Amino acid sequence: MVVLNRIYTRSGDDGTTALGSGERRPKYDLRIAAYGTVDETNAAIGIVRLHLPQARELDAMLGLIQNDLFDLGADLAVPEREGKAERLRMLSSQVERLERDIDTLNAKLAPLTSFVLPGGTPAAAYLHLARTICRRAERIMVELAAKPNEPVGDAAIQYMNRLSDFLFVASRAVNDNGSGDVLWVPGQNR
């Protein structure tokens, strides 16, 4: 359990921060960027939830996702090392739940005839913002995983990949199941 009774420690004043393992890394380290961007995704989802007073089912899904994103941050904050006690890791069951939720939302959507521009309702616009932040987090995680001795679990990367899909489908769901989507018109302004 986490206990936070003092917020500032001054230990990061030298430009480093501690991983969950206690190892100190520069604040620009790719692992720090990865879980920082996961946290940014979570914050954007928090803004979305402010705009969903009538969408209880979607709000509940997003609440689960926010908790999962803290799990993911904890996973990234403690790199897997041989001989070390296992920490909290993302599981394939979390990815599978996201897939079921995507299928639930997608079943009600009108088919797409064009790419969708961010907009429509405020919730949809913020879902698109969360989606783009999520994609950035995924890119950083994939880059991190490609480095020697920087393990990132498959389920963690898969989760972020599915989450961006979920956020896209959710944006269409809050845009009156797609009928309120703002569609891209290629070459419209030529």
N, C-alpha and C. Protein backbone atom coordinates (compact mmCIF):
# COMPACT_ATOMS: atom_id res chain seq x y z
N MET A 1 0.84 -1.18 0.00
CA MET A 1 0.00 0.00 0.00
C MET A 1 0.87 1.24 0.00
N VAL A 2 0.44 2.24 -0.70
CA VAL A 2 1.15 3.51 -0.79
C VAL A 2 0.68 4.43 0.33
N VAL A 3 1.63 5.06 1.00
CA VAL A 3 1.32 6.05 2.01
C VAL A 3 2.07 7.33 1.63
N LEU A 4 1.32 8.38 1.39
CA LEU A 4 1.92 9.66 1.03
C LEU A 4 1.55 10.68 2.10
N ASN A 5 2.47 10.97 2.98
CA ASN A 5 2.17 11.97 3.99
C ASN A 5 3.04 13.21 3.81
N ARG A 6 3.98 13.13 2.88
CA ARG A 6 4.80 14.29 2.56
C ARG A 6 4.98 14.30 1.04
N ILE A 7 4.57 15.36 0.41
CA ILE A 7 4.56 15.41 -1.05
C ILE A 7 5.91 15.78 -1.63
N TYR A 8 6.56 16.76 -1.08
CA TYR A 8 7.87 17.11 -1.64
C TYR A 8 8.97 16.46 -0.81
N THR A 9 10.00 15.98 -1.53
CA THR A 9 11.12 15.29 -0.87
C THR A 9 12.45 15.96 -1.17
N ARG A 10 12.49 16.77 -2.20
CA ARG A 10 13.70 17.44 -2.68
C ARG A 10 14.70 16.48 -3.33
N SER A 11 14.38 15.18 -3.34
CA SER A 11 15.32 14.22 -3.92
C SER A 11 15.44 14.35 -5.43
N GLY A 12 14.46 14.98 -6.09
CA GLY A 12 14.52 15.17 -7.53
C GLY A 12 15.12 16.48 -7.95
N ASP A 13 15.60 17.25 -7.00
CA ASP A 13 16.17 18.55 -7.33
C ASP A 13 17.43 18.45 -8.18
N ASP A 14 18.04 17.28 -8.21
CA ASP A 14 19.25 17.08 -9.01
C ASP A 14 18.95 16.59 -10.42
N GLY A 15 17.64 16.57 -10.78
CA GLY A 15 17.27 16.15 -12.13
C GLY A 15 17.08 14.66 -12.31
N THR A 16 17.01 13.94 -11.18
CA THR A 16 16.76 12.50 -11.24
C THR A 16 15.46 12.18 -10.50
N THR A 17 14.98 10.98 -10.75
CA THR A 17 13.81 10.49 -10.04
C THR A 17 14.01 9.00 -9.78
N ALA A 18 13.30 8.48 -8.80
CA ALA A 18 13.46 7.07 -8.43
C ALA A 18 12.40 6.22 -9.11
N LEU A 19 12.84 5.09 -9.64
CA LEU A 19 11.91 4.07 -10.09
C LEU A 19 11.34 3.38 -8.86
N GLY A 20 10.34 2.56 -9.06
CA GLY A 20 9.76 1.82 -7.95
C GLY A 20 10.74 0.87 -7.29
N SER A 21 11.79 0.53 -8.00
CA SER A 21 12.84 -0.36 -7.48
C SER A 21 13.84 0.39 -6.61
N GLY A 22 13.75 1.72 -6.60
CA GLY A 22 14.71 2.54 -5.86
C GLY A 22 15.83 3.08 -6.74
N GLU A 23 16.02 2.47 -7.90
CA GLU A 23 17.05 2.94 -8.84
C GLU A 23 16.73 4.36 -9.28
N ARG A 24 17.74 5.21 -9.34
CA ARG A 24 17.54 6.60 -9.76
C ARG A 24 17.88 6.73 -11.24
N ARG A 25 17.05 7.49 -11.94
CA ARG A 25 17.23 7.74 -13.37
C ARG A 25 17.06 9.22 -13.65
N PRO A 26 17.69 9.71 -14.73
CA PRO A 26 17.44 11.11 -15.12
C PRO A 26 15.96 11.28 -15.46
N LYS A 27 15.43 12.45 -15.20
CA LYS A 27 14.01 12.69 -15.46
C LYS A 27 13.66 12.62 -16.94
N TYR A 28 14.65 12.72 -17.82
CA TYR A 28 14.41 12.60 -19.26
C TYR A 28 14.52 11.15 -19.75
N ASP A 29 14.80 10.21 -18.85
CA ASP A 29 14.95 8.80 -19.21
C ASP A 29 13.68 8.29 -19.91
N LEU A 30 13.87 7.42 -20.88
CA LEU A 30 12.75 6.91 -21.67
C LEU A 30 11.71 6.17 -20.81
N ARG A 31 12.16 5.47 -19.79
CA ARG A 31 11.20 4.77 -18.91
C ARG A 31 10.36 5.78 -18.15
N ILE A 32 10.96 6.85 -17.70
CA ILE A 32 10.22 7.90 -16.99
C ILE A 32 9.23 8.54 -17.97
N ALA A 33 9.67 8.78 -19.20
CA ALA A 33 8.78 9.35 -20.22
C ALA A 33 7.61 8.42 -20.50
N ALA A 34 7.87 7.12 -20.49
CA ALA A 34 6.81 6.15 -20.77
C ALA A 34 5.72 6.21 -19.69
N TYR A 35 6.11 6.07 -18.44
CA TYR A 35 5.04 6.07 -17.43
C TYR A 35 4.49 7.47 -17.18
N GLY A 36 5.26 8.50 -17.47
CA GLY A 36 4.73 9.86 -17.39
C GLY A 36 3.65 10.10 -18.44
N THR A 37 3.83 9.54 -19.62
CA THR A 37 2.86 9.72 -20.69
C THR A 37 1.63 8.84 -20.45
N VAL A 38 1.81 7.70 -19.81
CA VAL A 38 0.66 6.90 -19.37
C VAL A 38 -0.15 7.71 -18.37
N ASP A 39 0.53 8.39 -17.45
CA ASP A 39 -0.15 9.23 -16.47
C ASP A 39 -0.89 10.38 -17.15
N GLU A 40 -0.29 10.95 -18.17
CA GLU A 40 -0.93 12.02 -18.94
C GLU A 40 -2.20 11.50 -19.62
N THR A 41 -2.14 10.29 -20.15
CA THR A 41 -3.33 9.66 -20.74
C THR A 41 -4.44 9.56 -19.69
N ASN A 42 -4.06 9.14 -18.50
CA ASN A 42 -5.03 8.98 -17.41
C ASN A 42 -5.67 10.32 -17.06
N ALA A 43 -4.87 11.38 -17.02
CA ALA A 43 -5.41 12.70 -16.70
C ALA A 43 -6.41 13.16 -17.76
N ALA A 44 -6.10 12.90 -19.03
CA ALA A 44 -7.02 13.28 -20.11
C ALA A 44 -8.33 12.50 -19.98
N ILE A 45 -8.25 11.24 -19.59
CA ILE A 45 -9.47 10.45 -19.38
C ILE A 45 -10.28 11.02 -18.22
N GLY A 46 -9.59 11.52 -17.20
CA GLY A 46 -10.30 12.17 -16.10
C GLY A 46 -11.12 13.36 -16.58
N ILE A 47 -10.58 14.12 -17.52
CA ILE A 47 -11.33 15.25 -18.09
C ILE A 47 -12.54 14.75 -18.87
N VAL A 48 -12.35 13.68 -19.64
CA VAL A 48 -13.48 13.09 -20.39
C VAL A 48 -14.62 12.77 -19.44
N ARG A 49 -14.30 12.15 -18.32
CA ARG A 49 -15.33 11.68 -17.39
C ARG A 49 -16.17 12.83 -16.83
N LEU A 50 -15.63 14.04 -16.79
CA LEU A 50 -16.40 15.20 -16.35
C LEU A 50 -17.54 15.53 -17.30
N HIS A 51 -17.44 15.03 -18.55
CA HIS A 51 -18.40 15.35 -19.60
C HIS A 51 -19.35 14.19 -19.90
N LEU A 52 -19.46 13.23 -18.98
CA LEU A 52 -20.29 12.04 -19.23
C LEU A 52 -21.37 11.83 -18.16
N PRO A 53 -22.10 12.87 -17.77
CA PRO A 53 -23.06 12.66 -16.68
C PRO A 53 -24.17 11.65 -17.03
N GLN A 54 -24.49 11.51 -18.30
CA GLN A 54 -25.57 10.60 -18.69
C GLN A 54 -25.07 9.24 -19.20
N ALA A 55 -23.78 9.10 -19.39
CA ALA A 55 -23.22 7.87 -19.99
C ALA A 55 -22.60 7.00 -18.90
N ARG A 56 -23.44 6.44 -18.06
CA ARG A 56 -22.95 5.69 -16.89
C ARG A 56 -22.12 4.47 -17.27
N GLU A 57 -22.55 3.74 -18.31
CA GLU A 57 -21.81 2.53 -18.72
C GLU A 57 -20.40 2.90 -19.20
N LEU A 58 -20.30 3.91 -20.04
CA LEU A 58 -18.99 4.33 -20.53
C LEU A 58 -18.15 4.90 -19.39
N ASP A 59 -18.75 5.68 -18.51
CA ASP A 59 -18.03 6.22 -17.37
C ASP A 59 -17.46 5.10 -16.50
N ALA A 60 -18.23 4.04 -16.29
CA ALA A 60 -17.73 2.90 -15.51
C ALA A 60 -16.55 2.23 -16.22
N MET A 61 -16.64 2.09 -17.53
CA MET A 61 -15.52 1.52 -18.30
C MET A 61 -14.27 2.37 -18.13
N LEU A 62 -14.45 3.68 -18.23
CA LEU A 62 -13.31 4.59 -18.10
C LEU A 62 -12.72 4.57 -16.69
N GLY A 63 -13.56 4.38 -15.69
CA GLY A 63 -13.07 4.25 -14.32
C GLY A 63 -12.16 3.04 -14.17
N LEU A 64 -12.54 1.92 -14.77
CA LEU A 64 -11.69 0.72 -14.74
C LEU A 64 -10.38 0.99 -15.48
N ILE A 65 -10.48 1.67 -16.59
CA ILE A 65 -9.28 1.99 -17.38
C ILE A 65 -8.32 2.86 -16.58
N GLN A 66 -8.86 3.86 -15.87
CA GLN A 66 -7.99 4.72 -15.08
C GLN A 66 -7.22 3.91 -14.04
N ASN A 67 -7.88 2.96 -13.42
CA ASN A 67 -7.19 2.11 -12.45
C ASN A 67 -6.14 1.25 -13.14
N ASP A 68 -6.49 0.70 -14.31
CA ASP A 68 -5.53 -0.08 -15.09
C ASP A 68 -4.30 0.75 -15.44
N LEU A 69 -4.50 2.01 -15.76
CA LEU A 69 -3.36 2.85 -16.13
C LEU A 69 -2.42 3.08 -14.95
N PHE A 70 -2.95 3.09 -13.74
CA PHE A 70 -2.06 3.14 -12.58
C PHE A 70 -1.30 1.82 -12.44
N ASP A 71 -1.98 0.69 -12.72
CA ASP A 71 -1.28 -0.60 -12.73
C ASP A 71 -0.15 -0.56 -13.76
N LEU A 72 -0.44 -0.02 -14.94
CA LEU A 72 0.54 0.04 -16.01
C LEU A 72 1.72 0.92 -15.61
N GLY A 73 1.43 2.05 -14.98
CA GLY A 73 2.51 2.91 -14.49
C GLY A 73 3.39 2.18 -13.48
N ALA A 74 2.76 1.42 -12.58
CA ALA A 74 3.52 0.65 -11.59
C ALA A 74 4.36 -0.42 -12.28
N ASP A 75 3.81 -1.04 -13.31
CA ASP A 75 4.54 -2.05 -14.09
C ASP A 75 5.79 -1.41 -14.70
N LEU A 76 5.62 -0.27 -15.36
CA LEU A 76 6.75 0.40 -16.01
C LEU A 76 7.76 0.95 -15.01
N ALA A 77 7.31 1.32 -13.83
CA ALA A 77 8.19 1.93 -12.83
C ALA A 77 9.11 0.92 -12.15
N VAL A 78 8.85 -0.36 -12.34
CA VAL A 78 9.71 -1.40 -11.76
C VAL A 78 10.06 -2.39 -12.86
N PRO A 79 11.18 -2.15 -13.57
CA PRO A 79 11.55 -3.06 -14.66
C PRO A 79 11.74 -4.48 -14.14
N GLU A 80 11.28 -5.43 -14.92
CA GLU A 80 11.42 -6.83 -14.55
C GLU A 80 12.91 -7.20 -14.60
N ARG A 81 13.40 -7.78 -13.51
CA ARG A 81 14.79 -8.21 -13.41
C ARG A 81 14.84 -9.62 -12.87
N GLU A 82 15.76 -10.42 -13.41
CA GLU A 82 15.91 -11.80 -12.94
C GLU A 82 16.32 -11.81 -11.48
N GLY A 83 15.73 -12.73 -10.74
CA GLY A 83 16.09 -12.88 -9.34
C GLY A 83 15.41 -11.90 -8.41
N LYS A 84 14.63 -10.98 -8.95
CA LYS A 84 13.93 -10.00 -8.12
C LYS A 84 12.49 -10.45 -7.91
N ALA A 85 11.94 -10.11 -6.78
CA ALA A 85 10.54 -10.45 -6.49
C ALA A 85 9.63 -9.82 -7.54
N GLU A 86 8.65 -10.56 -7.98
CA GLU A 86 7.73 -10.07 -9.01
C GLU A 86 6.85 -8.96 -8.45
N ARG A 87 6.66 -7.93 -9.25
CA ARG A 87 5.82 -6.79 -8.88
C ARG A 87 4.54 -6.83 -9.69
N LEU A 88 3.75 -5.80 -9.54
CA LEU A 88 2.50 -5.68 -10.28
C LEU A 88 2.80 -5.60 -11.77
N ARG A 89 2.19 -6.48 -12.55
CA ARG A 89 2.37 -6.51 -14.00
C ARG A 89 1.00 -6.47 -14.67
N MET A 90 0.96 -5.91 -15.85
CA MET A 90 -0.26 -5.93 -16.66
C MET A 90 -0.51 -7.37 -17.09
N LEU A 91 -1.79 -7.71 -17.19
CA LEU A 91 -2.19 -9.07 -17.54
C LEU A 91 -2.98 -9.08 -18.85
N SER A 92 -2.93 -10.19 -19.53
CA SER A 92 -3.70 -10.33 -20.77
C SER A 92 -5.20 -10.20 -20.50
N SER A 93 -5.65 -10.54 -19.29
CA SER A 93 -7.08 -10.41 -18.96
C SER A 93 -7.52 -8.95 -19.00
N GLN A 94 -6.62 -8.02 -18.70
CA GLN A 94 -6.96 -6.60 -18.79
C GLN A 94 -7.12 -6.18 -20.25
N VAL A 95 -6.28 -6.71 -21.12
CA VAL A 95 -6.39 -6.45 -22.55
C VAL A 95 -7.71 -7.04 -23.07
N GLU A 96 -8.02 -8.25 -22.65
CA GLU A 96 -9.25 -8.93 -23.10
C GLU A 96 -10.50 -8.18 -22.66
N ARG A 97 -10.49 -7.61 -21.45
CA ARG A 97 -11.64 -6.81 -21.00
C ARG A 97 -11.83 -5.60 -21.89
N LEU A 98 -10.71 -4.94 -22.25
CA LEU A 98 -10.79 -3.80 -23.16
C LEU A 98 -11.40 -4.21 -24.50
N GLU A 99 -10.99 -5.36 -25.02
CA GLU A 99 -11.53 -5.84 -26.29
C GLU A 99 -13.03 -6.07 -26.20
N ARG A 100 -13.48 -6.65 -25.09
CA ARG A 100 -14.94 -6.86 -24.91
C ARG A 100 -15.67 -5.53 -24.86
N ASP A 101 -15.08 -4.54 -24.16
CA ASP A 101 -15.71 -3.22 -24.09
C ASP A 101 -15.73 -2.53 -25.45
N ILE A 102 -14.68 -2.69 -26.23
CA ILE A 102 -14.66 -2.14 -27.59
C ILE A 102 -15.79 -2.76 -28.40
N ASP A 103 -15.91 -4.08 -28.32
CA ASP A 103 -16.97 -4.77 -29.08
C ASP A 103 -18.36 -4.31 -28.66
N THR A 104 -18.56 -4.10 -27.36
CA THR A 104 -19.85 -3.63 -26.85
C THR A 104 -20.20 -2.27 -27.43
N LEU A 105 -19.25 -1.34 -27.39
CA LEU A 105 -19.50 0.01 -27.91
C LEU A 105 -19.62 0.01 -29.43
N ASN A 106 -18.77 -0.75 -30.09
CA ASN A 106 -18.73 -0.74 -31.55
C ASN A 106 -19.99 -1.33 -32.17
N ALA A 107 -20.65 -2.24 -31.47
CA ALA A 107 -21.85 -2.90 -32.01
C ALA A 107 -22.97 -1.90 -32.30
N LYS A 108 -22.96 -0.76 -31.62
CA LYS A 108 -24.03 0.23 -31.77
C LYS A 108 -23.69 1.34 -32.77
N LEU A 109 -22.48 1.31 -33.34
CA LEU A 109 -22.00 2.42 -34.17
C LEU A 109 -22.40 2.27 -35.63
N ALA A 110 -22.68 3.42 -36.24
CA ALA A 110 -22.90 3.46 -37.69
C ALA A 110 -21.55 3.21 -38.37
N PRO A 111 -21.55 2.52 -39.52
CA PRO A 111 -20.29 2.28 -40.23
C PRO A 111 -19.64 3.61 -40.65
N LEU A 112 -18.33 3.61 -40.69
CA LEU A 112 -17.59 4.81 -41.09
C LEU A 112 -17.49 4.90 -42.61
N THR A 113 -17.60 6.11 -43.12
CA THR A 113 -17.43 6.35 -44.55
C THR A 113 -16.24 7.26 -44.82
N SER A 114 -15.59 7.73 -43.75
CA SER A 114 -14.44 8.62 -43.87
C SER A 114 -13.69 8.58 -42.54
N PHE A 115 -12.52 9.20 -42.52
CA PHE A 115 -11.83 9.37 -41.25
C PHE A 115 -12.58 10.39 -40.42
N VAL A 116 -12.44 10.27 -39.09
CA VAL A 116 -13.16 11.14 -38.16
C VAL A 116 -12.22 12.21 -37.64
N LEU A 117 -12.68 13.46 -37.68
CA LEU A 117 -11.94 14.57 -37.09
C LEU A 117 -12.33 14.69 -35.61
N PRO A 118 -11.40 15.06 -34.75
CA PRO A 118 -11.75 15.28 -33.35
C PRO A 118 -12.82 16.37 -33.23
N GLY A 119 -13.89 16.08 -32.56
CA GLY A 119 -14.95 17.07 -32.39
C GLY A 119 -16.28 16.42 -32.15
N GLY A 120 -17.33 17.17 -32.41
CA GLY A 120 -18.67 16.72 -32.09
C GLY A 120 -19.02 17.23 -30.71
N THR A 121 -19.06 16.35 -29.75
CA THR A 121 -19.33 16.75 -28.37
C THR A 121 -18.01 17.02 -27.64
N PRO A 122 -18.05 17.77 -26.53
CA PRO A 122 -16.82 17.96 -25.75
C PRO A 122 -16.21 16.62 -25.31
N ALA A 123 -17.04 15.68 -24.89
CA ALA A 123 -16.51 14.38 -24.47
C ALA A 123 -15.78 13.69 -25.61
N ALA A 124 -16.33 13.76 -26.82
CA ALA A 124 -15.69 13.12 -27.97
C ALA A 124 -14.35 13.79 -28.28
N ALA A 125 -14.31 15.10 -28.23
CA ALA A 125 -13.05 15.82 -28.50
C ALA A 125 -11.99 15.43 -27.47
N TYR A 126 -12.38 15.36 -26.20
CA TYR A 126 -11.42 14.97 -25.16
C TYR A 126 -11.02 13.50 -25.28
N LEU A 127 -11.92 12.64 -25.74
CA LEU A 127 -11.56 11.24 -25.99
C LEU A 127 -10.51 11.16 -27.09
N HIS A 128 -10.64 12.00 -28.12
CA HIS A 128 -9.61 12.02 -29.17
C HIS A 128 -8.28 12.52 -28.62
N LEU A 129 -8.32 13.52 -27.75
CA LEU A 129 -7.09 13.99 -27.13
C LEU A 129 -6.45 12.86 -26.32
N ALA A 130 -7.25 12.17 -25.52
CA ALA A 130 -6.73 11.03 -24.74
C ALA A 130 -6.15 9.96 -25.67
N ARG A 131 -6.81 9.73 -26.80
CA ARG A 131 -6.35 8.73 -27.76
C ARG A 131 -4.97 9.10 -28.31
N THR A 132 -4.76 10.36 -28.64
CA THR A 132 -3.47 10.75 -29.21
C THR A 132 -2.36 10.69 -28.16
N ILE A 133 -2.68 11.02 -26.93
CA ILE A 133 -1.70 10.90 -25.84
C ILE A 133 -1.38 9.42 -25.62
N CYS A 134 -2.40 8.58 -25.66
CA CYS A 134 -2.23 7.14 -25.51
C CYS A 134 -1.30 6.59 -26.60
N ARG A 135 -1.50 7.03 -27.83
CA ARG A 135 -0.64 6.58 -28.94
C ARG A 135 0.81 7.00 -28.70
N ARG A 136 1.01 8.19 -28.17
CA ARG A 136 2.37 8.64 -27.86
C ARG A 136 2.99 7.75 -26.78
N ALA A 137 2.20 7.44 -25.75
CA ALA A 137 2.69 6.55 -24.69
C ALA A 137 3.09 5.20 -25.27
N GLU A 138 2.26 4.67 -26.16
CA GLU A 138 2.56 3.39 -26.79
C GLU A 138 3.86 3.46 -27.58
N ARG A 139 4.06 4.53 -28.36
CA ARG A 139 5.30 4.67 -29.14
C ARG A 139 6.52 4.71 -28.22
N ILE A 140 6.41 5.43 -27.11
CA ILE A 140 7.53 5.51 -26.17
C ILE A 140 7.79 4.14 -25.55
N MET A 141 6.75 3.42 -25.21
CA MET A 141 6.91 2.08 -24.62
C MET A 141 7.57 1.13 -25.60
N VAL A 142 7.18 1.18 -26.86
CA VAL A 142 7.78 0.31 -27.87
C VAL A 142 9.25 0.67 -28.06
N GLU A 143 9.56 1.96 -28.08
CA GLU A 143 10.96 2.39 -28.19
C GLU A 143 11.76 1.91 -26.99
N LEU A 144 11.19 2.03 -25.80
CA LEU A 144 11.86 1.55 -24.58
C LEU A 144 12.11 0.05 -24.65
N ALA A 145 11.12 -0.70 -25.08
CA ALA A 145 11.24 -2.16 -25.15
C ALA A 145 12.31 -2.60 -26.14
N ALA A 146 12.62 -1.76 -27.13
CA ALA A 146 13.63 -2.10 -28.13
C ALA A 146 15.05 -1.91 -27.60
N LYS A 147 15.19 -1.27 -26.46
CA LYS A 147 16.51 -1.03 -25.89
C LYS A 147 16.96 -2.24 -25.08
N PRO A 148 18.27 -2.52 -25.08
CA PRO A 148 18.78 -3.63 -24.27
C PRO A 148 18.52 -3.38 -22.78
N ASN A 149 18.14 -4.42 -22.09
CA ASN A 149 17.93 -4.38 -20.63
C ASN A 149 16.85 -3.41 -20.19
N GLU A 150 15.88 -3.16 -21.05
CA GLU A 150 14.74 -2.30 -20.69
C GLU A 150 13.45 -3.05 -21.01
N PRO A 151 13.16 -4.07 -20.23
CA PRO A 151 11.98 -4.89 -20.53
C PRO A 151 10.66 -4.14 -20.34
N VAL A 152 9.76 -4.39 -21.25
CA VAL A 152 8.38 -3.90 -21.16
C VAL A 152 7.52 -5.10 -21.52
N GLY A 153 6.58 -5.45 -20.67
CA GLY A 153 5.76 -6.62 -20.90
C GLY A 153 4.88 -6.50 -22.13
N ASP A 154 4.66 -7.63 -22.80
CA ASP A 154 3.80 -7.65 -23.97
C ASP A 154 2.40 -7.14 -23.65
N ALA A 155 1.85 -7.56 -22.51
CA ALA A 155 0.49 -7.15 -22.14
C ALA A 155 0.41 -5.64 -21.95
N ALA A 156 1.48 -5.01 -21.48
CA ALA A 156 1.48 -3.56 -21.29
C ALA A 156 1.37 -2.85 -22.63
N ILE A 157 2.16 -3.29 -23.61
CA ILE A 157 2.11 -2.67 -24.93
C ILE A 157 0.76 -2.96 -25.60
N GLN A 158 0.29 -4.19 -25.49
CA GLN A 158 -1.01 -4.55 -26.07
C GLN A 158 -2.12 -3.72 -25.46
N TYR A 159 -2.05 -3.50 -24.16
CA TYR A 159 -3.09 -2.71 -23.48
C TYR A 159 -3.17 -1.31 -24.08
N MET A 160 -2.02 -0.66 -24.25
CA MET A 160 -2.05 0.71 -24.79
C MET A 160 -2.52 0.71 -26.24
N ASN A 161 -2.19 -0.32 -27.00
CA ASN A 161 -2.67 -0.41 -28.37
C ASN A 161 -4.19 -0.53 -28.40
N ARG A 162 -4.76 -1.39 -27.56
CA ARG A 162 -6.21 -1.55 -27.50
C ARG A 162 -6.88 -0.33 -26.92
N LEU A 163 -6.22 0.32 -25.95
CA LEU A 163 -6.82 1.49 -25.33
C LEU A 163 -7.04 2.59 -26.36
N SER A 164 -6.10 2.80 -27.25
CA SER A 164 -6.31 3.84 -28.27
C SER A 164 -7.50 3.47 -29.15
N ASP A 165 -7.67 2.19 -29.45
CA ASP A 165 -8.85 1.75 -30.20
C ASP A 165 -10.13 2.00 -29.40
N PHE A 166 -10.09 1.67 -28.12
CA PHE A 166 -11.24 1.90 -27.24
C PHE A 166 -11.62 3.38 -27.24
N LEU A 167 -10.63 4.24 -27.08
CA LEU A 167 -10.90 5.68 -26.99
C LEU A 167 -11.50 6.21 -28.29
N PHE A 168 -11.06 5.67 -29.43
CA PHE A 168 -11.64 6.06 -30.71
C PHE A 168 -13.11 5.63 -30.79
N VAL A 169 -13.37 4.39 -30.45
CA VAL A 169 -14.75 3.87 -30.51
C VAL A 169 -15.62 4.62 -29.50
N ALA A 170 -15.08 4.90 -28.33
CA ALA A 170 -15.84 5.64 -27.31
C ALA A 170 -16.17 7.05 -27.80
N SER A 171 -15.25 7.68 -28.54
CA SER A 171 -15.53 9.02 -29.05
C SER A 171 -16.71 8.99 -30.01
N ARG A 172 -16.80 7.95 -30.80
CA ARG A 172 -17.92 7.81 -31.72
C ARG A 172 -19.21 7.51 -30.94
N ALA A 173 -19.09 6.73 -29.89
CA ALA A 173 -20.27 6.39 -29.09
C ALA A 173 -20.89 7.64 -28.47
N VAL A 174 -20.05 8.55 -27.95
CA VAL A 174 -20.60 9.76 -27.33
C VAL A 174 -21.03 10.79 -28.36
N ASN A 175 -20.67 10.58 -29.62
CA ASN A 175 -21.17 11.42 -30.71
C ASN A 175 -22.41 10.77 -31.31
N ASP A 176 -23.34 10.43 -30.44
CA ASP A 176 -24.62 9.83 -30.87
C ASP A 176 -24.39 8.61 -31.75
N ASN A 177 -23.51 7.72 -31.24
CA ASN A 177 -23.18 6.47 -31.93
C ASN A 177 -22.72 6.68 -33.36
N GLY A 178 -22.00 7.75 -33.58
CA GLY A 178 -21.39 8.01 -34.88
C GLY A 178 -22.14 9.00 -35.73
N SER A 179 -23.42 9.22 -35.46
CA SER A 179 -24.17 10.14 -36.33
C SER A 179 -23.74 11.60 -36.11
N GLY A 180 -23.10 11.89 -35.00
CA GLY A 180 -22.60 13.24 -34.74
C GLY A 180 -21.11 13.40 -35.01
N ASP A 181 -20.50 12.39 -35.63
CA ASP A 181 -19.08 12.49 -35.95
C ASP A 181 -18.82 13.60 -36.95
N VAL A 182 -17.66 14.22 -36.81
CA VAL A 182 -17.21 15.23 -37.77
C VAL A 182 -16.27 14.49 -38.71
N LEU A 183 -16.67 14.37 -39.97
CA LEU A 183 -15.90 13.57 -40.92
C LEU A 183 -14.93 14.42 -41.73
N TRP A 184 -13.81 13.83 -42.04
CA TRP A 184 -12.80 14.45 -42.89
C TRP A 184 -13.31 14.46 -44.32
N VAL A 185 -13.17 15.60 -44.98
CA VAL A 185 -13.52 15.72 -46.40
C VAL A 185 -12.21 16.01 -47.12
N PRO A 186 -11.62 15.00 -47.79
CA PRO A 186 -10.33 15.18 -48.43
C PRO A 186 -10.36 16.34 -49.43
N GLY A 187 -9.38 17.23 -49.33
CA GLY A 187 -9.24 18.33 -50.27
C GLY A 187 -10.31 19.39 -50.19
N GLN A 188 -11.07 19.42 -49.11
CA GLN A 188 -12.21 20.35 -48.98
C GLN A 188 -11.82 21.81 -49.15
N ASN A 189 -10.64 22.17 -48.71
CA ASN A 189 -10.26 23.58 -48.69
C ASN A 189 -9.27 23.98 -49.78
N ARG A 190 -9.24 23.24 -50.86
CA ARG A 190 -8.32 23.55 -51.97
C ARG A 190 -8.86 24.67 -52.80
